[in-house]
Amino acid sequence: MTNAPSDRAPQRAAYTVDTAAEGLVRLHFFLPRRQVAAARFILEGYDHLGVQSSAPGSSHVTWTVPAGLRADAESLLGSLLSNINQ
């Protein structure tokens, strides 16, 4: 039996939000590792919506977005998560 890393995202709340700095919020969520790059590509398609970060090999993803665009980012993230989990 091997202990190969799983490609499945941990079962957690869809995402959490915290304050990054004055005027910025961070949305934290988990994706299957094979989907992390796709999420970055999608976010980058929405110019100036936010910046994605994640540690190499991690399924924990953070989007940092301006507080004024939080609703847009949450809408995009909700759509992304529902499509990935289908």
PDB file of N, CA and C in Angstrom:
ATOM      1  N   MET A   1       0.844  -1.176   0.000  1.00  0.00           N
ATOM      2  CA  MET A   1       0.000   0.000   0.000  1.00  0.00           C
ATOM      3  C   MET A   1       0.891   1.241   0.000  1.00  0.00           C
ATOM      4  N   THR A   2       0.611   2.182  -0.889  1.00  0.00           N
ATOM      5  CA  THR A   2       1.406   3.401  -0.953  1.00  0.00           C
ATOM      6  C   THR A   2       0.629   4.564  -0.368  1.00  0.00           C
ATOM      7  N   ASN A   3       1.327   5.569   0.034  1.00  0.00           N
ATOM      8  CA  ASN A   3       0.716   6.773   0.566  1.00  0.00           C
ATOM      9  C   ASN A   3       0.814   7.896  -0.456  1.00  0.00           C
ATOM     10  N   ALA A   4       0.328   7.641  -1.650  1.00  0.00           N
ATOM     11  CA  ALA A   4       0.361   8.644  -2.709  1.00  0.00           C
ATOM     12  C   ALA A   4      -0.544   9.805  -2.330  1.00  0.00           C
ATOM     13  N   PRO A   5      -0.118  11.029  -2.642  1.00  0.00           N
ATOM     14  CA  PRO A   5      -0.962  12.173  -2.318  1.00  0.00           C
ATOM     15  C   PRO A   5      -2.261  12.124  -3.103  1.00  0.00           C
ATOM     16  N   SER A   6      -3.313  12.516  -2.472  1.00  0.00           N
ATOM     17  CA  SER A   6      -4.619  12.519  -3.112  1.00  0.00           C
ATOM     18  C   SER A   6      -4.779  13.789  -3.937  1.00  0.00           C
ATOM     19  N   ASP A   7      -5.483  13.685  -5.051  1.00  0.00           N
ATOM     20  CA  ASP A   7      -5.762  14.845  -5.883  1.00  0.00           C
ATOM     21  C   ASP A   7      -7.118  15.446  -5.538  1.00  0.00           C
ATOM     22  N   ARG A   8      -7.757  14.896  -4.545  1.00  0.00           N
ATOM     23  CA  ARG A   8      -9.058  15.407  -4.142  1.00  0.00           C
ATOM     24  C   ARG A   8      -8.882  16.527  -3.141  1.00  0.00           C
ATOM     25  N   ALA A   9      -9.685  17.563  -3.282  1.00  0.00           N
ATOM     26  CA  ALA A   9      -9.643  18.681  -2.344  1.00  0.00           C
ATOM     27  C   ALA A   9     -10.244  18.228  -1.021  1.00  0.00           C
ATOM     28  N   PRO A  10      -9.715  18.733   0.093  1.00  0.00           N
ATOM     29  CA  PRO A  10     -10.291  18.400   1.386  1.00  0.00           C
ATOM     30  C   PRO A  10     -11.744  18.875   1.461  1.00  0.00           C
ATOM     31  N   GLN A  11     -12.585  18.143   2.162  1.00  0.00           N
ATOM     32  CA  GLN A  11     -13.975  18.533   2.315  1.00  0.00           C
ATOM     33  C   GLN A  11     -14.063  19.627   3.372  1.00  0.00           C
ATOM     34  N   ARG A  12     -14.361  20.830   2.944  1.00  0.00           N
ATOM     35  CA  ARG A  12     -14.457  21.986   3.829  1.00  0.00           C
ATOM     36  C   ARG A  12     -15.542  22.895   3.312  1.00  0.00           C
ATOM     37  N   ALA A  13     -15.760  24.010   4.022  1.00  0.00           N
ATOM     38  CA  ALA A  13     -16.699  25.014   3.547  1.00  0.00           C
ATOM     39  C   ALA A  13     -16.257  25.455   2.156  1.00  0.00           C
ATOM     40  N   ALA A  14     -17.198  25.914   1.356  1.00  0.00           N
ATOM     41  CA  ALA A  14     -16.886  26.310  -0.015  1.00  0.00           C
ATOM     42  C   ALA A  14     -15.739  27.317  -0.050  1.00  0.00           C
ATOM     43  N   TYR A  15     -15.801  28.342   0.789  1.00  0.00           N
ATOM     44  CA  TYR A  15     -14.700  29.298   0.892  1.00  0.00           C
ATOM     45  C   TYR A  15     -14.882  30.137   2.145  1.00  0.00           C
ATOM     46  N   THR A  16     -13.814  30.760   2.570  1.00  0.00           N
ATOM     47  CA  THR A  16     -13.854  31.693   3.689  1.00  0.00           C
ATOM     48  C   THR A  16     -13.281  33.019   3.217  1.00  0.00           C
ATOM     49  N   VAL A  17     -13.622  34.078   3.946  1.00  0.00           N
ATOM     50  CA  VAL A  17     -13.189  35.426   3.582  1.00  0.00           C
ATOM     51  C   VAL A  17     -12.566  36.083   4.806  1.00  0.00           C
ATOM     52  N   ASP A  18     -11.445  36.787   4.589  1.00  0.00           N
ATOM     53  CA  ASP A  18     -10.865  37.603   5.651  1.00  0.00           C
ATOM     54  C   ASP A  18     -10.334  38.899   5.047  1.00  0.00           C
ATOM     55  N   THR A  19      -9.978  39.830   5.915  1.00  0.00           N
ATOM     56  CA  THR A  19      -9.449  41.112   5.473  1.00  0.00           C
ATOM     57  C   THR A  19      -7.951  40.999   5.280  1.00  0.00           C
ATOM     58  N   ALA A  20      -7.472  41.405   4.096  1.00  0.00           N
ATOM     59  CA  ALA A  20      -6.047  41.328   3.794  1.00  0.00           C
ATOM     60  C   ALA A  20      -5.330  42.600   4.235  1.00  0.00           C
ATOM     61  N   ALA A  21      -5.853  43.729   3.898  1.00  0.00           N
ATOM     62  CA  ALA A  21      -5.285  45.035   4.212  1.00  0.00           C
ATOM     63  C   ALA A  21      -6.390  46.053   3.943  1.00  0.00           C
ATOM     64  N   GLU A  22      -6.096  47.284   4.168  1.00  0.00           N
ATOM     65  CA  GLU A  22      -7.078  48.335   3.913  1.00  0.00           C
ATOM     66  C   GLU A  22      -7.573  48.242   2.471  1.00  0.00           C
ATOM     67  N   GLY A  23      -8.856  47.957   2.312  1.00  0.00           N
ATOM     68  CA  GLY A  23      -9.449  47.919   0.987  1.00  0.00           C
ATOM     69  C   GLY A  23      -9.299  46.604   0.239  1.00  0.00           C
ATOM     70  N   LEU A  24      -8.726  45.576   0.871  1.00  0.00           N
ATOM     71  CA  LEU A  24      -8.552  44.272   0.218  1.00  0.00           C
ATOM     72  C   LEU A  24      -9.152  43.164   1.075  1.00  0.00           C
ATOM     73  N   VAL A  25      -9.691  42.158   0.416  1.00  0.00           N
ATOM     74  CA  VAL A  25     -10.165  40.957   1.110  1.00  0.00           C
ATOM     75  C   VAL A  25      -9.538  39.741   0.439  1.00  0.00           C
ATOM     76  N   ARG A  26      -9.446  38.662   1.206  1.00  0.00           N
ATOM     77  CA  ARG A  26      -8.917  37.398   0.680  1.00  0.00           C
ATOM     78  C   ARG A  26     -10.014  36.350   0.743  1.00  0.00           C
ATOM     79  N   LEU A  27     -10.167  35.627  -0.344  1.00  0.00           N
ATOM     80  CA  LEU A  27     -11.087  34.494  -0.401  1.00  0.00           C
ATOM     81  C   LEU A  27     -10.235  33.230  -0.415  1.00  0.00           C
ATOM     82  N   HIS A  28     -10.426  32.376   0.563  1.00  0.00           N
ATOM     83  CA  HIS A  28      -9.655  31.133   0.702  1.00  0.00           C
ATOM     84  C   HIS A  28     -10.554  29.961   0.335  1.00  0.00           C
ATOM     85  N   PHE A  29     -10.029  29.051  -0.475  1.00  0.00           N
ATOM     86  CA  PHE A  29     -10.798  27.879  -0.862  1.00  0.00           C
ATOM     87  C   PHE A  29      -9.847  26.762  -1.262  1.00  0.00           C
ATOM     88  N   PHE A  30     -10.395  25.581  -1.454  1.00  0.00           N
ATOM     89  CA  PHE A  30      -9.604  24.418  -1.832  1.00  0.00           C
ATOM     90  C   PHE A  30     -10.104  23.879  -3.171  1.00  0.00           C
ATOM     91  N   LEU A  31      -9.164  23.465  -4.003  1.00  0.00           N
ATOM     92  CA  LEU A  31      -9.447  22.872  -5.309  1.00  0.00           C
ATOM     93  C   LEU A  31      -8.614  21.610  -5.465  1.00  0.00           C
ATOM     94  N   PRO A  32      -9.063  20.709  -6.324  1.00  0.00           N
ATOM     95  CA  PRO A  32      -8.150  19.621  -6.687  1.00  0.00           C
ATOM     96  C   PRO A  32      -6.895  20.259  -7.295  1.00  0.00           C
ATOM     97  N   ARG A  33      -5.736  19.754  -6.971  1.00  0.00           N
ATOM     98  CA  ARG A  33      -4.491  20.379  -7.439  1.00  0.00           C
ATOM     99  C   ARG A  33      -4.441  20.546  -8.947  1.00  0.00           C
ATOM    100  N   ARG A  34      -5.018  19.633  -9.682  1.00  0.00           N
ATOM    101  CA  ARG A  34      -4.990  19.739 -11.147  1.00  0.00           C
ATOM    102  C   ARG A  34      -5.824  20.915 -11.652  1.00  0.00           C
ATOM    103  N   GLN A  35      -6.662  21.510 -10.797  1.00  0.00           N
ATOM    104  CA  GLN A  35      -7.529  22.626 -11.196  1.00  0.00           C
ATOM    105  C   GLN A  35      -6.994  23.997 -10.778  1.00  0.00           C
ATOM    106  N   VAL A  36      -5.913  24.035 -10.010  1.00  0.00           N
ATOM    107  CA  VAL A  36      -5.388  25.306  -9.499  1.00  0.00           C
ATOM    108  C   VAL A  36      -4.966  26.229 -10.638  1.00  0.00           C
ATOM    109  N   ALA A  37      -4.267  25.714 -11.614  1.00  0.00           N
ATOM    110  CA  ALA A  37      -3.821  26.536 -12.746  1.00  0.00           C
ATOM    111  C   ALA A  37      -5.011  27.042 -13.557  1.00  0.00           C
ATOM    112  N   ALA A  38      -6.032  26.218 -13.718  1.00  0.00           N
ATOM    113  CA  ALA A  38      -7.219  26.638 -14.456  1.00  0.00           C
ATOM    114  C   ALA A  38      -7.919  27.791 -13.740  1.00  0.00           C
ATOM    115  N   ALA A  39      -7.979  27.735 -12.409  1.00  0.00           N
ATOM    116  CA  ALA A  39      -8.601  28.822 -11.642  1.00  0.00           C
ATOM    117  C   ALA A  39      -7.828  30.119 -11.836  1.00  0.00           C
ATOM    118  N   ARG A  40      -6.503  30.041 -11.854  1.00  0.00           N
ATOM    119  CA  ARG A  40      -5.681  31.237 -12.079  1.00  0.00           C
ATOM    120  C   ARG A  40      -5.975  31.816 -13.467  1.00  0.00           C
ATOM    121  N   PHE A  41      -6.064  30.951 -14.464  1.00  0.00           N
ATOM    122  CA  PHE A  41      -6.347  31.378 -15.831  1.00  0.00           C
ATOM    123  C   PHE A  41      -7.702  32.092 -15.901  1.00  0.00           C
ATOM    124  N   ILE A  42      -8.695  31.531 -15.245  1.00  0.00           N
ATOM    125  CA  ILE A  42     -10.030  32.142 -15.248  1.00  0.00           C
ATOM    126  C   ILE A  42     -10.000  33.497 -14.553  1.00  0.00           C
ATOM    127  N   LEU A  43      -9.370  33.579 -13.376  1.00  0.00           N
ATOM    128  CA  LEU A  43      -9.304  34.850 -12.655  1.00  0.00           C
ATOM    129  C   LEU A  43      -8.567  35.902 -13.474  1.00  0.00           C
ATOM    130  N   GLU A  44      -7.479  35.516 -14.116  1.00  0.00           N
ATOM    131  CA  GLU A  44      -6.709  36.476 -14.917  1.00  0.00           C
ATOM    132  C   GLU A  44      -7.511  36.975 -16.114  1.00  0.00           C
ATOM    133  N   GLY A  45      -8.507  36.217 -16.541  1.00  0.00           N
ATOM    134  CA  GLY A  45      -9.366  36.655 -17.637  1.00  0.00           C
ATOM    135  C   GLY A  45     -10.237  37.835 -17.261  1.00  0.00           C
ATOM    136  N   TYR A  46     -10.396  38.064 -15.973  1.00  0.00           N
ATOM    137  CA  TYR A  46     -11.172  39.199 -15.472  1.00  0.00           C
ATOM    138  C   TYR A  46     -10.177  40.249 -14.989  1.00  0.00           C
ATOM    139  N   ASP A  47      -9.687  41.065 -15.920  1.00  0.00           N
ATOM    140  CA  ASP A  47      -8.647  42.055 -15.625  1.00  0.00           C
ATOM    141  C   ASP A  47      -8.943  42.841 -14.354  1.00  0.00           C
ATOM    142  N   HIS A  48      -7.968  42.908 -13.486  1.00  0.00           N
ATOM    143  CA  HIS A  48      -8.000  43.716 -12.269  1.00  0.00           C
ATOM    144  C   HIS A  48      -9.011  43.237 -11.229  1.00  0.00           C
ATOM    145  N   LEU A  49      -9.559  42.019 -11.388  1.00  0.00           N
ATOM    146  CA  LEU A  49     -10.484  41.516 -10.377  1.00  0.00           C
ATOM    147  C   LEU A  49      -9.735  41.062  -9.136  1.00  0.00           C
ATOM    148  N   GLY A  50      -8.602  40.429  -9.313  1.00  0.00           N
ATOM    149  CA  GLY A  50      -7.850  39.973  -8.160  1.00  0.00           C
ATOM    150  C   GLY A  50      -6.601  39.228  -8.558  1.00  0.00           C
ATOM    151  N   VAL A  51      -5.893  38.749  -7.522  1.00  0.00           N
ATOM    152  CA  VAL A  51      -4.647  38.019  -7.696  1.00  0.00           C
ATOM    153  C   VAL A  51      -4.777  36.692  -6.969  1.00  0.00           C
ATOM    154  N   GLN A  52      -4.362  35.610  -7.617  1.00  0.00           N
ATOM    155  CA  GLN A  52      -4.406  34.286  -7.013  1.00  0.00           C
ATOM    156  C   GLN A  52      -3.043  33.906  -6.483  1.00  0.00           C
ATOM    157  N   SER A  53      -3.030  33.245  -5.336  1.00  0.00           N
ATOM    158  CA  SER A  53      -1.788  32.697  -4.800  1.00  0.00           C
ATOM    159  C   SER A  53      -2.070  31.314  -4.218  1.00  0.00           C
ATOM    160  N   SER A  54      -1.046  30.480  -4.267  1.00  0.00           N
ATOM    161  CA  SER A  54      -1.107  29.149  -3.658  1.00  0.00           C
ATOM    162  C   SER A  54       0.321  28.630  -3.549  1.00  0.00           C
ATOM    163  N   ALA A  55       0.543  27.796  -2.563  1.00  0.00           N
ATOM    164  CA  ALA A  55       1.868  27.189  -2.395  1.00  0.00           C
ATOM    165  C   ALA A  55       2.024  26.070  -3.422  1.00  0.00           C
ATOM    166  N   PRO A  56       3.231  25.856  -3.921  1.00  0.00           N
ATOM    167  CA  PRO A  56       3.443  24.772  -4.886  1.00  0.00           C
ATOM    168  C   PRO A  56       2.951  23.439  -4.334  1.00  0.00           C
ATOM    169  N   GLY A  57       2.159  22.736  -5.129  1.00  0.00           N
ATOM    170  CA  GLY A  57       1.654  21.430  -4.736  1.00  0.00           C
ATOM    171  C   GLY A  57       0.493  21.451  -3.770  1.00  0.00           C
ATOM    172  N   SER A  58       0.018  22.641  -3.412  1.00  0.00           N
ATOM    173  CA  SER A  58      -1.064  22.767  -2.440  1.00  0.00           C
ATOM    174  C   SER A  58      -2.413  22.890  -3.132  1.00  0.00           C
ATOM    175  N   SER A  59      -3.447  22.444  -2.472  1.00  0.00           N
ATOM    176  CA  SER A  59      -4.799  22.614  -2.990  1.00  0.00           C
ATOM    177  C   SER A  59      -5.480  23.829  -2.353  1.00  0.00           C
ATOM    178  N   HIS A  60      -4.800  24.507  -1.421  1.00  0.00           N
ATOM    179  CA  HIS A  60      -5.326  25.721  -0.800  1.00  0.00           C
ATOM    180  C   HIS A  60      -5.017  26.910  -1.700  1.00  0.00           C
ATOM    181  N   VAL A  61      -6.055  27.618  -2.116  1.00  0.00           N
ATOM    182  CA  VAL A  61      -5.926  28.738  -3.040  1.00  0.00           C
ATOM    183  C   VAL A  61      -6.468  29.987  -2.366  1.00  0.00           C
ATOM    184  N   THR A  62      -5.817  31.122  -2.624  1.00  0.00           N
ATOM    185  CA  THR A  62      -6.272  32.408  -2.093  1.00  0.00           C
ATOM    186  C   THR A  62      -6.410  33.401  -3.239  1.00  0.00           C
ATOM    187  N   TRP A  63      -7.543  34.059  -3.288  1.00  0.00           N
ATOM    188  CA  TRP A  63      -7.728  35.183  -4.195  1.00  0.00           C
ATOM    189  C   TRP A  63      -7.740  36.444  -3.340  1.00  0.00           C
ATOM    190  N   THR A  64      -6.910  37.398  -3.672  1.00  0.00           N
ATOM    191  CA  THR A  64      -6.905  38.689  -3.005  1.00  0.00           C
ATOM    192  C   THR A  64      -7.552  39.682  -3.958  1.00  0.00           C
ATOM    193  N   VAL A  65      -8.636  40.322  -3.489  1.00  0.00           N
ATOM    194  CA  VAL A  65      -9.415  41.205  -4.356  1.00  0.00           C
ATOM    195  C   VAL A  65      -9.721  42.520  -3.643  1.00  0.00           C
ATOM    196  N   PRO A  66      -9.917  43.598  -4.401  1.00  0.00           N
ATOM    197  CA  PRO A  66     -10.350  44.853  -3.792  1.00  0.00           C
ATOM    198  C   PRO A  66     -11.719  44.652  -3.138  1.00  0.00           C
ATOM    199  N   ALA A  67     -11.915  45.232  -1.973  1.00  0.00           N
ATOM    200  CA  ALA A  67     -13.168  45.064  -1.239  1.00  0.00           C
ATOM    201  C   ALA A  67     -14.373  45.476  -2.085  1.00  0.00           C
ATOM    202  N   GLY A  68     -14.216  46.469  -2.919  1.00  0.00           N
ATOM    203  CA  GLY A  68     -15.308  46.923  -3.772  1.00  0.00           C
ATOM    204  C   GLY A  68     -15.701  45.918  -4.841  1.00  0.00           C
ATOM    205  N   LEU A  69     -14.836  44.967  -5.135  1.00  0.00           N
ATOM    206  CA  LEU A  69     -15.123  43.936  -6.142  1.00  0.00           C
ATOM    207  C   LEU A  69     -15.410  42.574  -5.511  1.00  0.00           C
ATOM    208  N   ARG A  70     -15.583  42.564  -4.193  1.00  0.00           N
ATOM    209  CA  ARG A  70     -15.805  41.298  -3.487  1.00  0.00           C
ATOM    210  C   ARG A  70     -17.007  40.537  -4.029  1.00  0.00           C
ATOM    211  N   ALA A  71     -18.117  41.224  -4.254  1.00  0.00           N
ATOM    212  CA  ALA A  71     -19.324  40.551  -4.749  1.00  0.00           C
ATOM    213  C   ALA A  71     -19.067  39.898  -6.107  1.00  0.00           C
ATOM    214  N   ASP A  72     -18.360  40.591  -6.992  1.00  0.00           N
ATOM    215  CA  ASP A  72     -18.029  40.025  -8.301  1.00  0.00           C
ATOM    216  C   ASP A  72     -17.134  38.793  -8.151  1.00  0.00           C
ATOM    217  N   ALA A  73     -16.142  38.897  -7.275  1.00  0.00           N
ATOM    218  CA  ALA A  73     -15.222  37.781  -7.065  1.00  0.00           C
ATOM    219  C   ALA A  73     -15.954  36.584  -6.461  1.00  0.00           C
ATOM    220  N   GLU A  74     -16.837  36.830  -5.504  1.00  0.00           N
ATOM    221  CA  GLU A  74     -17.588  35.740  -4.895  1.00  0.00           C
ATOM    222  C   GLU A  74     -18.518  35.075  -5.909  1.00  0.00           C
ATOM    223  N   SER A  75     -19.099  35.861  -6.783  1.00  0.00           N
ATOM    224  CA  SER A  75     -19.955  35.302  -7.821  1.00  0.00           C
ATOM    225  C   SER A  75     -19.149  34.408  -8.761  1.00  0.00           C
ATOM    226  N   LEU A  76     -18.000  34.898  -9.197  1.00  0.00           N
ATOM    227  CA  LEU A  76     -17.126  34.114 -10.067  1.00  0.00           C
ATOM    228  C   LEU A  76     -16.655  32.846  -9.356  1.00  0.00           C
ATOM    229  N   LEU A  77     -16.259  32.980  -8.096  1.00  0.00           N
ATOM    230  CA  LEU A  77     -15.775  31.830  -7.337  1.00  0.00           C
ATOM    231  C   LEU A  77     -16.878  30.803  -7.147  1.00  0.00           C
ATOM    232  N   GLY A  78     -18.093  31.250  -6.845  1.00  0.00           N
ATOM    233  CA  GLY A  78     -19.214  30.324  -6.691  1.00  0.00           C
ATOM    234  C   GLY A  78     -19.460  29.522  -7.962  1.00  0.00           C
ATOM    235  N   SER A  79     -19.404  30.204  -9.098  1.00  0.00           N
ATOM    236  CA  SER A  79     -19.577  29.534 -10.386  1.00  0.00           C
ATOM    237  C   SER A  79     -18.439  28.548 -10.637  1.00  0.00           C
ATOM    238  N   LEU A  80     -17.215  28.973 -10.365  1.00  0.00           N
ATOM    239  CA  LEU A  80     -16.047  28.116 -10.553  1.00  0.00           C
ATOM    240  C   LEU A  80     -16.169  26.850  -9.699  1.00  0.00           C
ATOM    241  N   LEU A  81     -16.482  27.017  -8.414  1.00  0.00           N
ATOM    242  CA  LEU A  81     -16.574  25.868  -7.518  1.00  0.00           C
ATOM    243  C   LEU A  81     -17.708  24.940  -7.909  1.00  0.00           C
ATOM    244  N   SER A  82     -18.833  25.478  -8.331  1.00  0.00           N
ATOM    245  CA  SER A  82     -19.946  24.594  -8.711  1.00  0.00           C
ATOM    246  C   SER A  82     -19.629  23.815  -9.981  1.00  0.00           C
ATOM    247  N   ASN A  83     -18.909  24.431 -10.914  1.00  0.00           N
ATOM    248  CA  ASN A  83     -18.543  23.723 -12.151  1.00  0.00           C
ATOM    249  C   ASN A  83     -17.479  22.663 -11.895  1.00  0.00           C
ATOM    250  N   ILE A  84     -16.546  22.927 -11.009  1.00  0.00           N
ATOM    251  CA  ILE A  84     -15.497  21.955 -10.700  1.00  0.00           C
ATOM    252  C   ILE A  84     -16.057  20.770  -9.952  1.00  0.00           C
ATOM    253  N   ASN A  85     -17.037  21.001  -9.086  1.00  0.00           N
ATOM    254  CA  ASN A  85     -17.587  19.934  -8.255  1.00  0.00           C
ATOM    255  C   ASN A  85     -18.670  19.125  -8.952  1.00  0.00           C
ATOM    256  N   GLN A  86     -18.914  19.352 -10.229  1.00  0.00           N
ATOM    257  CA  GLN A  86     -19.927  18.579 -10.953  1.00  0.00           C
ATOM    258  C   GLN A  86     -19.395  17.249 -11.360  1.00  0.00           C
TER     259      GLN A  86
END
